[in-house]
Amino acid sequence: MKSLQDALYNWLTIKVVKDSRPDDTAARDTTELFEEILSTEHGVSDIEVKTDLLMYYLTYQHAGETKNAKYPRELIEIMLDQINESPERYANYPEED
């Protein structure tokens, strides 16, 4: 993933799903994938997430500096909203033993 902003956005979007659906193995695995991309491709660490009624705020370490990003809640929560509106389309498949 070329853009750090895109990687942060994608990570946060799926993290919100994972946090809301802790048994969702696909959301967990995808969150881990984006964490790996952020770490290895972009050198990002120590991401902290805060939110208010309108925005998500990220604070993270990048290139030895503390940096910030913010995203509107409506953009970040769109995937979770879709899942909640049509849960039958997003079945959770258990892990194979």
Protein backbone atom coordinates (compact mmCIF):
# COMPACT_ATOMS: atom_id res chain seq x y z
CA MET A 1 0.00 0.00 0.00
CA LYS A 2 1.67 3.16 -1.22
CA SER A 3 -0.02 5.85 0.89
CA LEU A 4 0.38 6.02 4.65
CA GLN A 5 -2.95 7.86 4.88
CA ASP A 6 -4.70 5.07 2.96
CA ALA A 7 -3.13 2.41 5.18
CA LEU A 8 -4.20 4.27 8.35
CA TYR A 9 -7.71 4.74 6.98
CA ASN A 10 -8.07 1.07 6.01
CA TRP A 11 -6.63 -0.11 9.32
CA LEU A 12 -8.95 2.11 11.36
CA THR A 13 -12.02 1.12 9.33
CA ILE A 14 -11.47 -2.60 9.90
CA LYS A 15 -10.32 -2.08 13.51
CA VAL A 16 -13.67 -0.45 14.28
CA VAL A 17 -15.38 -3.55 12.85
CA LYS A 18 -13.10 -5.89 14.82
CA ASP A 19 -13.68 -4.00 18.06
CA SER A 20 -17.43 -4.12 17.54
CA ARG A 21 -17.41 -7.80 16.49
CA PRO A 22 -14.70 -9.51 18.58
CA ASP A 23 -15.58 -12.97 17.22
CA ASP A 24 -15.23 -11.86 13.58
CA THR A 25 -12.15 -13.78 12.46
CA ALA A 26 -11.97 -12.02 9.07
CA ALA A 27 -11.97 -8.60 10.74
CA ARG A 28 -9.30 -9.73 13.20
CA ASP A 29 -7.08 -11.17 10.47
CA THR A 30 -7.50 -8.10 8.25
CA THR A 31 -6.70 -5.77 11.15
CA GLU A 32 -3.51 -7.74 11.76
CA LEU A 33 -2.62 -7.51 8.06
CA PHE A 34 -2.96 -3.72 8.08
CA GLU A 35 -0.96 -3.49 11.33
CA GLU A 36 1.83 -5.40 9.59
CA ILE A 37 1.65 -3.07 6.56
CA LEU A 38 1.76 0.00 8.80
CA SER A 39 4.74 -1.39 10.68
CA THR A 40 6.85 -2.85 7.89
CA GLU A 41 6.02 -0.64 4.91
CA HIS A 42 5.49 2.66 6.70
CA GLY A 43 7.42 2.37 9.98
CA VAL A 44 4.38 3.28 12.08
CA SER A 45 4.09 2.22 15.72
CA ASP A 46 2.24 3.02 18.92
CA ILE A 47 -1.07 4.01 17.35
CA GLU A 48 -3.57 5.50 19.77
CA VAL A 49 -7.19 6.08 18.79
CA LYS A 50 -9.57 8.61 20.31
CA THR A 51 -12.99 9.62 19.09
CA ASP A 52 -15.70 12.16 19.65
CA LEU A 53 -19.13 12.63 18.09
CA LEU A 54 -17.70 13.65 14.71
CA MET A 55 -14.15 12.37 14.28
CA TYR A 56 -11.59 9.66 14.95
CA TYR A 57 -8.19 11.00 16.01
CA LEU A 58 -5.01 8.98 15.63
CA THR A 59 -1.70 9.66 17.31
CA TYR A 60 1.22 7.50 16.19
CA GLN A 61 4.98 7.28 15.91
CA HIS A 62 6.52 7.65 12.46
CA ALA A 63 10.15 8.36 11.57
CA GLY A 64 10.97 9.18 15.19
CA GLU A 65 8.19 11.74 15.47
CA THR A 66 4.73 11.82 16.97
CA LYS A 67 2.19 12.44 14.23
CA ASN A 68 -1.56 12.87 14.08
CA ALA A 69 -4.35 12.07 11.67
CA LYS A 70 -8.10 12.50 11.82
CA TYR A 71 -10.99 10.96 9.94
CA PRO A 72 -14.73 11.64 9.97
CA ARG A 73 -16.73 9.00 11.85
CA GLU A 74 -19.16 8.57 8.96
CA LEU A 75 -16.31 7.49 6.66
CA ILE A 76 -14.69 5.17 9.19
CA GLU A 77 -17.90 3.52 10.33
CA ILE A 78 -19.38 2.92 6.88
CA MET A 79 -18.26 -0.72 6.76
CA LEU A 80 -19.61 -1.41 10.26
CA ASP A 81 -22.89 0.27 9.31
CA GLN A 82 -23.18 -1.96 6.22
CA ILE A 83 -22.54 -5.07 8.30
CA ASN A 84 -25.12 -4.05 10.89
CA GLU A 85 -27.71 -3.28 8.20
CA SER A 86 -27.28 -6.66 6.45
CA PRO A 87 -25.67 -9.08 8.91
CA GLU A 88 -26.71 -12.09 6.83
CA ARG A 89 -24.26 -10.95 4.13
CA TYR A 90 -21.34 -10.94 6.59
CA ALA A 91 -21.42 -14.33 8.26
CA ASN A 92 -18.48 -15.17 10.51
CA TYR A 93 -16.83 -18.42 9.59
CA PRO A 94 -15.12 -20.22 12.47
CA GLU A 95 -11.47 -21.05 12.26
CA GLU A 96 -10.62 -24.52 11.09
CA ASP A 97 -9.03 -26.83 13.64
